[in-house]
Amino acid sequence: MSYISLYRKYRPSTFDTIVGQDSVTKILKNQIKSDKISHAYIFSGSRGTGKTSAAKVFSRAINCLNPRDGEPCNECEVCKNILEGNTTDVIEMDAASNNSVENIRQIRQEVVYATIDVKYRVYIIDEAHMLTTSAFNALLKTLEEPPENVVFILATTEQHKIPVTILSRCLRFEFRRISDDAIIKRLNYVLEQENIKFEDEAISYIAKLADGGLRDALSILERCISEYSDILKKSDVERIVGAINTDLVNNIADSIINFDAIKAVEYVDNVIQSGKDLRQLVSEVTEEFLNRLLKNNDKKDDNKRIISIIDRLSKLDNDLRLSTNPEIVVKACFVELCNNVTSIISNNGNNNDNSELISYMQNLNNKIIELENKIKSGVVVKSNATKVPVKSKSDDANIDVSPEKITSQKSSFSKFAEFDGLKNAIAEKGKLKLYSALASSELYIADILSVIITNNSFAYNILKSDDNAQIISSVLSEKYGINNRLLFELNEKNEDTMSKLEQLLVENNIEYTNIDCKKD
């Protein structure tokens, strides 16, 4: 007899041998025992969880001549014919390659005929979500009013793609991902039957790689036992499947934690040179950080950074699916994680004081930015200091730099005479909305400050936007050589313009000599 793949050789023959789907198989067995068979079923779930196997067992159980507690006997003539594929009344159809309306019309023509040697004619449609819209429409009438001796079983990995009109006419069962423990137990059984020695770590690793699919686990196992020597080891599994070395994953995680971008990039190069998949690398690095997060329950500040790293890595996985240059994307992400300023601050000093340190640094940074803006605009920065000792070149005398000795630039405000020219220049740039906003405004110019006042809130919102403020500033600079700081003021209550300007100057700590608000 020719060689049979493990997943076929050890395919479940009864409901009790279907791994990890006890709730589903219990209901199906009860239906068979009570002879309450529905006309249509949907088996949905991820790959390798037993959907097709359950459908085959069900097709035998409802037709078995000697059923036992809802299970097929697999010994009677009917069961043997179905197992050997010698009956025309149990039809398996792959919807991925038979998805046209003609295929469904053929089924509609067949269902009207009586069965030959079984009680129920069963149609098992794999990957049912691949049927076209026309095919689903053709199937709809048959599902709505099926013959009494016909049962449809639709197996799918993407239930959301099946029309609601089909779903509402079927009895639905969700096949869950199989746990690692259940997969390990089944792999142990298979290896014992095949008389193969193994290490427990190797089987555990295969179960982890299978990601909830028993068929995937058996396929990986089959690859491994074809190359093992005396005993199946974890190192053999890693070599055969091309897994990324655990030490390398740990080294990458350590490099990110220690802000060592150079090392992180070097490790990525090692992965690329060994021909490993970068998405697999990102997945394993993410899992490593998740494990560290679970171990650091008492270190809240460290966990904040790890959570941000996991969040960034999850976005990286999505970026890799769309990227044409995954190497650059991965390296850039790792460098970004190694140079995160907030994370560096979080990593310094006593863990108990980290939150206060971060808050203090952020407030300090905001104050620095505020001071820089005031210096650029010519605003006087007041100080509470009285005398600051400064080393003189000639002697050691203290120089008096008290606030009363500091003088500010005094400004004289006047209405901008060329305002119409400014508006026309902006209109020539095609900025008609901005031109309209300026039409209801007034512009006042001083040596260090330019102020636009409007009594229209709609115009005010247009003017103060960053883009429009930049346009006004550029026209003032290019056309009139004015490079002042630009401010906007809303005078919605039509208050005295002079009072508004005075208030604005006081708020910005700008001294002035006089304000000319007279009409030109």
Protein backbone atom coordinates (compact mmCIF):
# COMPACT_ATOMS: atom_id res chain seq x y z
CA MET A 1 0.00 0.00 0.00
CA SER A 2 1.30 3.50 -0.86
CA TYR A 3 2.34 5.93 1.87
CA ILE A 4 -0.47 7.90 3.57
CA SER A 5 0.15 11.29 5.14
CA LEU A 6 -0.20 11.46 8.92
CA TYR A 7 -3.16 13.84 8.88
CA ARG A 8 -5.03 11.41 6.59
CA LYS A 9 -3.88 8.28 8.37
CA TYR A 10 -5.00 9.59 11.75
CA ARG A 11 -8.13 11.42 10.61
CA PRO A 12 -10.88 10.97 13.24
CA SER A 13 -13.25 8.10 12.45
CA THR A 14 -15.74 8.85 15.27
CA PHE A 15 -16.95 11.91 17.15
CA ASP A 16 -15.03 10.83 20.25
CA THR A 17 -11.71 10.99 18.37
CA ILE A 18 -12.27 14.56 17.15
CA VAL A 19 -9.87 16.63 19.26
CA GLY A 20 -10.92 19.73 21.17
CA GLN A 21 -14.54 20.07 19.93
CA ASP A 22 -16.48 18.30 22.68
CA SER A 23 -19.38 20.78 22.77
CA VAL A 24 -19.99 20.44 19.01
CA THR A 25 -19.72 16.65 18.86
CA LYS A 26 -22.02 16.26 21.89
CA ILE A 27 -24.84 18.17 20.16
CA LEU A 28 -24.39 16.30 16.89
CA LYS A 29 -24.49 12.94 18.67
CA ASN A 30 -27.67 13.92 20.53
CA GLN A 31 -29.35 14.91 17.26
CA ILE A 32 -28.49 11.54 15.75
CA LYS A 33 -29.72 9.59 18.80
CA SER A 34 -33.01 11.51 18.87
CA ASP A 35 -33.36 11.33 15.07
CA LYS A 36 -33.72 15.12 14.83
CA ILE A 37 -31.51 15.77 11.81
CA SER A 38 -31.50 19.30 10.38
CA HIS A 39 -31.50 19.80 6.63
CA ALA A 40 -28.48 22.18 6.59
CA TYR A 41 -25.42 22.81 8.78
CA ILE A 42 -22.58 25.29 8.76
CA PHE A 43 -19.28 24.22 10.34
CA SER A 44 -17.07 27.29 10.74
CA GLY A 45 -13.67 27.81 12.32
CA SER A 46 -9.97 28.19 11.60
CA ARG A 47 -8.07 25.65 9.53
CA GLY A 48 -7.26 22.22 10.90
CA THR A 49 -9.84 22.23 13.69
CA GLY A 50 -11.87 19.22 12.46
CA LYS A 51 -14.70 20.71 10.36
CA THR A 52 -14.42 18.34 7.39
CA SER A 53 -13.64 15.37 9.63
CA ALA A 54 -16.79 16.04 11.66
CA ALA A 55 -18.82 16.36 8.45
CA LYS A 56 -17.58 12.96 7.25
CA VAL A 57 -18.27 11.29 10.58
CA PHE A 58 -21.74 12.88 10.62
CA SER A 59 -22.48 11.63 7.08
CA ARG A 60 -21.71 8.07 8.19
CA ALA A 61 -23.49 8.31 11.54
CA ILE A 62 -26.85 9.40 10.05
CA ASN A 63 -26.68 6.59 7.50
CA CYS A 64 -25.12 3.86 9.65
CA LEU A 65 -27.06 0.57 9.90
CA ASN A 66 -25.80 -0.07 13.45
CA PRO A 67 -25.21 3.31 15.15
CA ARG A 68 -23.80 3.21 18.68
CA ASP A 69 -24.66 6.11 20.99
CA GLY A 70 -24.78 8.50 18.03
CA GLU A 71 -21.50 7.17 16.61
CA PRO A 72 -21.05 5.32 13.29
CA CYS A 73 -19.98 1.71 13.63
CA ASN A 74 -17.58 2.00 10.65
CA GLU A 75 -18.11 -1.73 10.08
CA CYS A 76 -21.43 -2.03 8.27
CA GLU A 77 -21.68 -2.02 4.51
CA VAL A 78 -22.90 1.59 4.36
CA CYS A 79 -20.08 2.91 6.56
CA LYS A 80 -17.48 1.01 4.55
CA ASN A 81 -18.85 2.29 1.24
CA ILE A 82 -18.73 5.88 2.50
CA LEU A 83 -15.21 5.43 3.93
CA GLU A 84 -13.98 3.96 0.65
CA GLY A 85 -15.84 6.52 -1.48
CA ASN A 86 -17.93 3.88 -3.22
CA THR A 87 -21.28 5.61 -2.81
CA THR A 88 -22.79 8.35 -4.97
CA ASP A 89 -25.00 9.65 -2.18
CA VAL A 90 -22.27 11.28 -0.08
CA ILE A 91 -20.73 14.00 -2.23
CA GLU A 92 -17.74 16.14 -1.22
CA MET A 93 -17.34 19.32 -3.24
CA ASP A 94 -14.55 21.90 -3.05
CA ALA A 95 -16.19 25.29 -3.51
CA ALA A 96 -12.83 26.89 -4.25
CA SER A 97 -12.75 25.17 -7.66
CA ASN A 98 -16.47 24.44 -8.09
CA ASN A 99 -17.98 27.78 -7.21
CA SER A 100 -20.04 28.61 -10.27
CA VAL A 101 -23.82 28.70 -10.56
CA GLU A 102 -23.67 25.70 -12.92
CA ASN A 103 -22.23 23.52 -10.16
CA ILE A 104 -25.10 24.43 -7.84
CA ARG A 105 -27.68 23.90 -10.58
CA GLN A 106 -26.34 20.37 -10.97
CA ILE A 107 -26.96 19.79 -7.25
CA ARG A 108 -30.52 21.13 -7.60
CA GLN A 109 -31.16 18.62 -10.38
CA GLU A 110 -29.77 15.72 -8.32
CA VAL A 111 -31.62 16.31 -5.05
CA VAL A 112 -35.02 15.45 -6.54
CA TYR A 113 -33.98 11.84 -7.06
CA ALA A 114 -34.23 9.18 -4.35
CA THR A 115 -31.09 7.80 -2.72
CA ILE A 116 -29.72 4.44 -3.84
CA ASP A 117 -28.26 2.66 -0.79
CA VAL A 118 -28.39 5.17 2.09
CA LYS A 119 -31.06 7.01 4.07
CA TYR A 120 -29.69 10.53 3.52
CA ARG A 121 -27.92 12.09 0.57
CA VAL A 122 -25.21 14.35 2.07
CA TYR A 123 -23.48 17.25 0.32
CA ILE A 124 -20.26 18.36 2.04
CA ILE A 125 -19.19 21.71 0.56
CA ASP A 126 -15.68 22.71 1.66
CA GLU A 127 -14.62 26.40 1.66
CA ALA A 128 -18.26 27.34 1.12
CA HIS A 129 -17.47 31.06 1.35
CA MET A 130 -15.80 30.78 -2.08
CA LEU A 131 -19.15 30.31 -3.85
CA THR A 132 -20.14 33.19 -6.09
CA THR A 133 -23.15 35.36 -5.35
CA SER A 134 -25.06 33.70 -8.17
CA ALA A 135 -24.20 30.26 -6.80
CA PHE A 136 -25.45 31.24 -3.34
CA ASN A 137 -28.67 32.55 -4.87
CA ALA A 138 -29.13 29.27 -6.73
CA LEU A 139 -28.52 27.30 -3.52
CA LEU A 140 -30.92 29.43 -1.51
CA LYS A 141 -34.16 27.90 -2.80
CA THR A 142 -32.90 24.37 -2.22
CA LEU A 143 -31.89 25.21 1.36
CA GLU A 144 -35.25 26.85 1.98
CA GLU A 145 -37.34 23.87 0.84
CA PRO A 146 -35.04 20.83 0.68
CA PRO A 147 -36.18 17.24 0.09
CA GLU A 148 -36.54 15.22 3.28
CA ASN A 149 -33.64 12.90 2.46
CA VAL A 150 -31.01 15.60 1.71
CA VAL A 151 -28.53 17.14 4.15
CA PHE A 152 -26.17 20.01 3.34
CA ILE A 153 -22.99 20.60 5.37
CA LEU A 154 -21.14 23.82 4.52
CA ALA A 155 -17.60 24.02 5.94
CA THR A 156 -15.90 27.41 5.96
CA THR A 157 -13.02 29.30 7.53
CA GLU A 158 -14.69 32.67 6.81
CA GLN A 159 -18.29 32.55 7.94
CA HIS A 160 -18.68 36.33 7.59
CA LYS A 161 -18.45 35.98 3.80
CA ILE A 162 -21.52 33.76 3.61
CA PRO A 163 -24.75 35.70 2.92
CA VAL A 164 -27.12 36.19 5.85
CA THR A 165 -29.91 34.56 3.84
CA ILE A 166 -27.89 31.32 3.79
CA LEU A 167 -26.80 31.57 7.44
CA SER A 168 -30.37 32.01 8.64
CA ARG A 169 -31.40 28.69 7.05
CA CYS A 170 -28.57 26.62 8.56
CA LEU A 171 -27.74 25.22 11.96
CA ARG A 172 -24.39 26.77 12.84
CA PHE A 173 -21.50 25.24 14.78
CA GLU A 174 -18.30 27.10 15.66
CA PHE A 175 -15.16 24.97 15.79
CA ARG A 176 -12.71 26.53 18.22
CA ARG A 177 -8.94 26.59 17.97
CA ILE A 178 -7.49 23.50 19.59
CA SER A 179 -5.50 24.04 22.78
CA ASP A 180 -1.79 23.24 22.91
CA ASP A 181 -2.40 20.58 25.56
CA ALA A 182 -4.93 18.77 23.35
CA ILE A 183 -2.56 18.91 20.38
CA ILE A 184 0.34 17.60 22.49
CA LYS A 185 -1.80 14.70 23.69
CA ARG A 186 -2.72 13.76 20.11
CA LEU A 187 0.88 14.06 18.88
CA ASN A 188 2.01 11.79 21.70
CA TYR A 189 -0.51 9.20 20.57
CA VAL A 190 0.60 9.43 16.93
CA LEU A 191 4.31 9.11 17.80
CA GLU A 192 3.64 6.13 20.02
CA GLN A 193 1.72 4.46 17.20
CA GLU A 194 4.59 5.21 14.80
CA ASN A 195 7.11 3.93 17.38
CA ILE A 196 9.17 7.14 17.34
CA LYS A 197 11.12 8.43 20.33
CA PHE A 198 10.85 12.13 21.09
CA GLU A 199 11.60 14.88 23.59
CA ASP A 200 8.64 16.58 25.27
CA GLU A 201 10.08 20.02 24.35
CA ALA A 202 9.98 19.09 20.67
CA ILE A 203 6.28 18.17 20.81
CA SER A 204 5.43 21.28 22.82
CA TYR A 205 7.22 23.44 20.26
CA ILE A 206 5.34 21.80 17.36
CA ALA A 207 2.03 22.42 19.17
CA LYS A 208 2.98 26.07 19.57
CA LEU A 209 3.86 26.40 15.87
CA ALA A 210 0.55 24.79 14.87
CA ASP A 211 -1.34 27.78 16.31
CA GLY A 212 -4.49 25.85 17.19
CA GLY A 213 -4.65 23.63 14.09
CA LEU A 214 -4.14 19.89 14.54
CA ARG A 215 -3.66 19.29 10.82
CA ASP A 216 -0.83 21.84 10.79
CA ALA A 217 0.72 20.09 13.80
CA LEU A 218 0.63 16.71 12.04
CA SER A 219 2.09 18.23 8.85
CA ILE A 220 4.99 19.77 10.80
CA LEU A 221 5.52 16.50 12.66
CA GLU A 222 5.62 14.60 9.38
CA ARG A 223 8.36 16.87 8.05
CA CYS A 224 10.38 16.44 11.23
CA ILE A 225 10.22 12.65 11.51
CA SER A 226 11.41 12.33 7.94
CA GLU A 227 14.77 13.83 8.98
CA TYR A 228 15.22 12.89 12.63
CA SER A 229 17.96 10.51 13.75
CA ASP A 230 17.51 8.50 16.95
CA ILE A 231 15.21 10.81 18.87
CA LEU A 232 13.15 13.82 17.84
CA LYS A 233 14.60 16.92 19.55
CA LYS A 234 13.49 20.53 19.74
CA SER A 235 16.68 21.65 17.98
CA ASP A 236 15.78 19.33 15.08
CA VAL A 237 12.33 20.90 14.83
CA GLU A 238 13.78 24.43 14.85
CA ARG A 239 16.27 23.52 12.13
CA ILE A 240 13.74 21.78 9.91
CA VAL A 241 10.98 24.39 10.09
CA GLY A 242 13.43 27.30 9.89
CA ALA A 243 12.46 28.76 13.25
CA ILE A 244 14.30 31.74 14.68
CA ASN A 245 16.66 30.88 17.51
CA THR A 246 15.25 31.73 20.93
CA ASP A 247 18.54 33.30 22.07
CA LEU A 248 18.47 35.64 19.07
CA VAL A 249 14.94 36.76 19.92
CA ASN A 250 16.02 37.41 23.53
CA ASN A 251 19.05 39.39 22.33
CA ILE A 252 16.87 41.60 20.14
CA ALA A 253 14.47 42.23 23.02
CA ASP A 254 17.41 43.07 25.34
CA SER A 255 18.84 45.49 22.74
CA ILE A 256 15.53 47.35 22.53
CA ILE A 257 15.20 47.50 26.32
CA ASN A 258 18.79 48.79 26.62
CA PHE A 259 18.35 51.37 23.80
CA ASP A 260 21.12 49.70 21.74
CA ALA A 261 19.95 50.37 18.17
CA ILE A 262 23.23 49.20 16.59
CA LYS A 263 22.99 45.75 18.18
CA ALA A 264 19.30 45.44 17.28
CA VAL A 265 20.03 46.16 13.61
CA GLU A 266 22.92 43.68 13.62
CA TYR A 267 20.64 40.94 14.94
CA VAL A 268 18.07 41.74 12.23
CA ASP A 269 20.85 41.34 9.64
CA ASN A 270 21.63 37.91 11.11
CA VAL A 271 18.00 36.89 10.70
CA ILE A 272 17.92 38.10 7.09
CA GLN A 273 21.18 36.35 6.20
CA SER A 274 19.87 33.06 7.58
CA GLY A 275 16.83 33.33 5.30
CA LYS A 276 14.24 33.61 8.06
CA ASP A 277 10.89 35.35 7.68
CA LEU A 278 10.80 38.88 9.14
CA ARG A 279 7.11 38.64 10.02
CA GLN A 280 7.93 35.54 12.03
CA LEU A 281 10.72 37.50 13.73
CA VAL A 282 8.34 40.32 14.67
CA SER A 283 5.81 37.79 15.96
CA GLU A 284 8.36 36.08 18.20
CA VAL A 285 9.83 39.36 19.48
CA THR A 286 6.29 40.54 20.31
CA GLU A 287 5.62 37.30 22.17
CA GLU A 288 8.89 37.71 24.09
CA PHE A 289 7.86 41.18 25.28
CA LEU A 290 4.43 39.82 26.20
CA ASN A 291 6.10 37.17 28.37
CA ARG A 292 8.22 39.85 30.04
CA LEU A 293 5.13 41.95 30.67
CA LEU A 294 3.44 39.04 32.46
CA LYS A 295 6.54 38.49 34.60
CA ASN A 296 6.84 42.18 35.63
CA ASN A 297 3.50 42.61 37.39
CA ASP A 298 5.07 44.60 40.22
CA LYS A 299 7.04 47.00 37.99
CA LYS A 300 4.41 49.38 36.68
CA ASP A 301 6.77 51.91 35.11
CA ASP A 302 8.73 49.25 33.24
CA ASN A 303 5.45 47.75 32.07
CA LYS A 304 4.34 51.07 30.56
CA ARG A 305 7.28 50.97 28.19
CA ILE A 306 6.81 47.29 27.36
CA ILE A 307 3.15 47.91 26.57
CA SER A 308 4.11 50.75 24.20
CA ILE A 309 6.67 48.44 22.53
CA ILE A 310 4.08 45.68 22.05
CA ASP A 311 1.65 48.22 20.58
CA ARG A 312 4.27 49.47 18.11
CA LEU A 313 5.29 45.92 17.11
CA SER A 314 1.66 44.98 16.43
CA LYS A 315 1.44 47.93 14.03
CA LEU A 316 4.75 46.84 12.47
CA ASP A 317 3.26 43.44 11.59
CA ASN A 318 0.49 45.18 9.67
CA ASP A 319 3.03 47.45 7.93
CA LEU A 320 5.04 44.43 6.79
CA ARG A 321 2.06 42.96 4.97
CA LEU A 322 1.87 46.06 2.78
CA SER A 323 5.58 46.82 2.48
CA THR A 324 7.73 46.14 -0.58
CA ASN A 325 10.91 46.52 1.49
CA PRO A 326 10.30 44.75 4.81
CA GLU A 327 13.97 44.90 5.85
CA ILE A 328 13.97 48.71 6.00
CA VAL A 329 10.60 48.79 7.78
CA VAL A 330 11.75 46.39 10.52
CA LYS A 331 15.09 48.12 11.08
CA ALA A 332 13.47 51.57 11.20
CA CYS A 333 10.95 50.37 13.77
CA PHE A 334 13.62 48.82 16.02
CA VAL A 335 15.74 51.98 15.84
CA GLU A 336 12.64 54.02 16.72
CA LEU A 337 12.00 51.81 19.77
CA CYS A 338 15.64 52.18 20.84
CA ASN A 339 15.54 55.98 20.61
CA ASN A 340 12.21 56.73 22.25
CA VAL A 341 12.89 59.80 24.42
CA THR A 342 10.01 59.22 26.80
CA SER A 343 11.18 55.65 27.32
CA ILE A 344 14.71 56.83 28.09
CA ILE A 345 13.38 59.19 30.74
CA SER A 346 11.26 56.37 32.15
CA ASN A 347 14.30 54.12 32.37
CA ASN A 348 16.42 56.54 34.44
CA GLY A 349 16.55 56.91 38.19
CA ASN A 350 14.48 55.29 40.87
CA ASN A 351 11.46 53.40 39.53
CA ASN A 352 9.25 54.90 42.22
CA ASP A 353 10.00 58.45 40.99
CA ASN A 354 9.73 57.82 37.26
CA SER A 355 6.24 59.27 36.81
CA GLU A 356 7.19 62.45 38.65
CA LEU A 357 10.41 62.73 36.65
CA ILE A 358 8.58 62.39 33.35
CA SER A 359 6.01 65.02 34.36
CA TYR A 360 8.74 67.38 35.52
CA MET A 361 10.74 66.98 32.30
CA GLN A 362 7.67 67.54 30.14
CA ASN A 363 6.70 70.70 32.05
CA LEU A 364 10.29 71.94 31.82
CA ASN A 365 10.33 71.31 28.07
CA ASN A 366 7.06 73.26 27.66
CA LYS A 367 8.49 76.19 29.59
CA ILE A 368 11.63 76.21 27.43
CA ILE A 369 9.51 76.33 24.26
CA GLU A 370 7.42 79.14 25.73
CA LEU A 371 10.53 81.17 26.62
CA GLU A 372 12.02 80.64 23.16
CA ASN A 373 8.84 81.92 21.53
CA LYS A 374 8.86 85.03 23.74
CA ILE A 375 12.51 85.74 22.94
CA LYS A 376 11.86 85.42 19.20
CA SER A 377 8.92 87.83 19.42
CA GLY A 378 10.87 90.42 21.45
CA VAL A 379 8.80 90.00 24.60
CA VAL A 380 10.52 90.93 27.88
CA VAL A 381 11.11 87.94 30.12
CA LYS A 382 10.67 89.01 33.72
CA SER A 383 12.65 87.45 36.52
CA ASN A 384 12.29 87.28 40.28
CA ALA A 385 16.07 87.48 40.73
CA THR A 386 17.63 90.50 42.40
CA LYS A 387 21.34 90.24 41.70
CA VAL A 388 23.22 87.59 39.80
CA PRO A 389 26.93 87.25 40.56
CA VAL A 390 28.88 87.38 37.29
CA LYS A 391 32.64 87.09 37.00
CA SER A 392 34.04 90.29 35.49
CA LYS A 393 37.11 90.30 33.25
CA SER A 394 38.65 93.12 35.26
CA ASP A 395 37.64 92.24 38.77
CA ASP A 396 35.34 90.04 40.87
CA ALA A 397 32.60 92.66 41.27
CA ASN A 398 28.95 91.66 41.04
CA ILE A 399 27.04 93.11 38.09
CA ASP A 400 23.55 94.32 38.86
CA VAL A 401 21.08 92.68 36.45
CA SER A 402 17.90 93.21 38.50
CA PRO A 403 14.55 93.48 36.67
CA GLU A 404 14.41 97.24 37.07
CA LYS A 405 17.60 97.52 35.02
CA ILE A 406 16.14 95.47 32.15
CA THR A 407 14.50 97.57 29.44
CA SER A 408 12.10 96.32 26.82
CA GLN A 409 11.61 97.42 23.28
CA LYS A 410 8.89 100.10 23.19
CA SER A 411 6.46 99.86 20.28
CA SER A 412 4.19 102.36 18.60
CA PHE A 413 1.13 100.74 16.96
CA SER A 414 -0.52 102.13 13.85
CA LYS A 415 -3.04 100.90 11.36
CA PHE A 416 -1.39 99.22 8.35
CA ALA A 417 -1.78 101.57 5.40
CA GLU A 418 -1.16 98.90 2.74
CA PHE A 419 -3.79 96.48 4.01
CA ASP A 420 -5.71 96.57 0.70
CA GLY A 421 -2.52 95.65 -1.15
CA LEU A 422 -1.99 92.74 1.25
CA LYS A 423 -5.53 91.47 0.62
CA ASN A 424 -5.12 91.80 -3.17
CA ALA A 425 -1.83 89.86 -3.06
CA ILE A 426 -3.56 87.05 -1.18
CA ALA A 427 -6.44 87.06 -3.66
CA GLU A 428 -3.92 86.73 -6.52
CA LYS A 429 -2.66 83.53 -4.83
CA GLY A 430 -6.16 82.09 -5.20
CA LYS A 431 -6.88 82.19 -1.47
CA LEU A 432 -10.36 83.67 -1.81
CA LYS A 433 -11.68 82.37 1.52
CA LEU A 434 -8.75 83.98 3.32
CA TYR A 435 -9.29 87.20 1.32
CA SER A 436 -12.94 87.27 2.49
CA ALA A 437 -11.88 86.75 6.10
CA LEU A 438 -9.44 89.68 5.85
CA ALA A 439 -12.17 91.90 4.38
CA SER A 440 -13.86 92.09 7.79
CA SER A 441 -10.59 92.61 9.68
CA GLU A 442 -8.09 95.33 10.59
CA LEU A 443 -4.29 95.04 10.74
CA TYR A 444 -2.07 96.98 13.18
CA ILE A 445 1.71 96.98 12.84
CA ALA A 446 4.50 97.73 15.32
CA ASP A 447 8.25 97.14 15.26
CA ILE A 448 8.00 93.64 16.74
CA LEU A 449 4.34 92.66 16.48
CA SER A 450 1.51 92.52 13.95
CA VAL A 451 -2.09 92.14 15.14
CA ILE A 452 -5.15 91.31 13.03
CA ILE A 453 -8.47 92.11 14.74
CA THR A 454 -11.85 90.93 13.45
CA ASN A 455 -15.38 91.00 14.87
CA ASN A 456 -16.46 87.93 12.88
CA SER A 457 -15.94 84.56 14.63
CA PHE A 458 -16.10 82.65 11.32
CA ALA A 459 -13.39 84.87 9.83
CA TYR A 460 -11.35 84.56 13.04
CA ASN A 461 -11.31 80.74 12.78
CA ILE A 462 -10.14 80.98 9.16
CA LEU A 463 -7.41 83.51 9.92
CA LYS A 464 -5.87 81.73 12.91
CA SER A 465 -5.33 78.40 11.14
CA ASP A 466 -1.64 77.56 10.79
CA ASP A 467 -1.72 77.44 6.98
CA ASN A 468 -3.46 80.79 6.57
CA ALA A 469 -1.29 82.48 9.21
CA GLN A 470 1.75 81.26 7.29
CA ILE A 471 0.38 82.71 4.03
CA ILE A 472 -0.23 86.13 5.63
CA SER A 473 3.24 86.15 7.20
CA SER A 474 4.92 85.22 3.92
CA VAL A 475 3.12 87.98 1.99
CA LEU A 476 4.01 90.55 4.67
CA SER A 477 7.63 89.43 4.49
CA GLU A 478 7.98 89.17 0.70
CA LYS A 479 5.95 92.25 -0.29
CA TYR A 480 6.55 94.63 2.61
CA GLY A 481 9.63 93.28 4.40
CA ILE A 482 7.69 92.82 7.65
CA ASN A 483 8.79 89.81 9.69
CA ASN A 484 6.92 90.51 12.92
CA ARG A 485 5.25 88.03 15.21
CA LEU A 486 1.63 87.71 14.02
CA LEU A 487 -1.32 87.58 16.46
CA PHE A 488 -5.08 87.35 15.90
CA GLU A 489 -7.81 88.81 18.13
CA LEU A 490 -11.58 88.30 18.06
CA ASN A 491 -13.55 91.46 18.96
CA GLU A 492 -16.97 89.82 18.82
CA LYS A 493 -18.57 92.31 21.22
CA ASN A 494 -17.34 95.30 19.15
CA GLU A 495 -15.32 96.68 22.06
CA ASP A 496 -13.04 99.67 21.64
CA THR A 497 -10.15 98.66 19.36
CA MET A 498 -7.63 100.60 21.44
CA SER A 499 -8.72 98.76 24.60
CA LYS A 500 -8.39 95.44 22.79
CA LEU A 501 -4.86 96.24 21.65
CA GLU A 502 -3.84 97.46 25.11
CA GLN A 503 -5.16 94.25 26.64
CA LEU A 504 -3.27 92.18 24.08
CA LEU A 505 -0.01 94.04 24.76
CA VAL A 506 -0.33 93.61 28.53
CA GLU A 507 -1.02 89.90 28.16
CA ASN A 508 2.15 89.52 26.10
CA ASN A 509 4.32 91.70 28.38
CA ILE A 510 5.02 94.25 25.62
CA GLU A 511 5.62 97.89 26.56
CA TYR A 512 4.33 100.57 24.16
CA THR A 513 4.37 104.34 23.71
CA ASN A 514 1.13 105.00 21.87
CA ILE A 515 -1.50 103.28 19.74
CA ASP A 516 -2.84 104.93 16.63
CA CYS A 517 -6.34 103.60 15.92
CA LYS A 518 -7.47 106.46 13.74
CA LYS A 519 -8.98 105.78 10.36
CA ASP A 520 -6.63 106.29 7.42
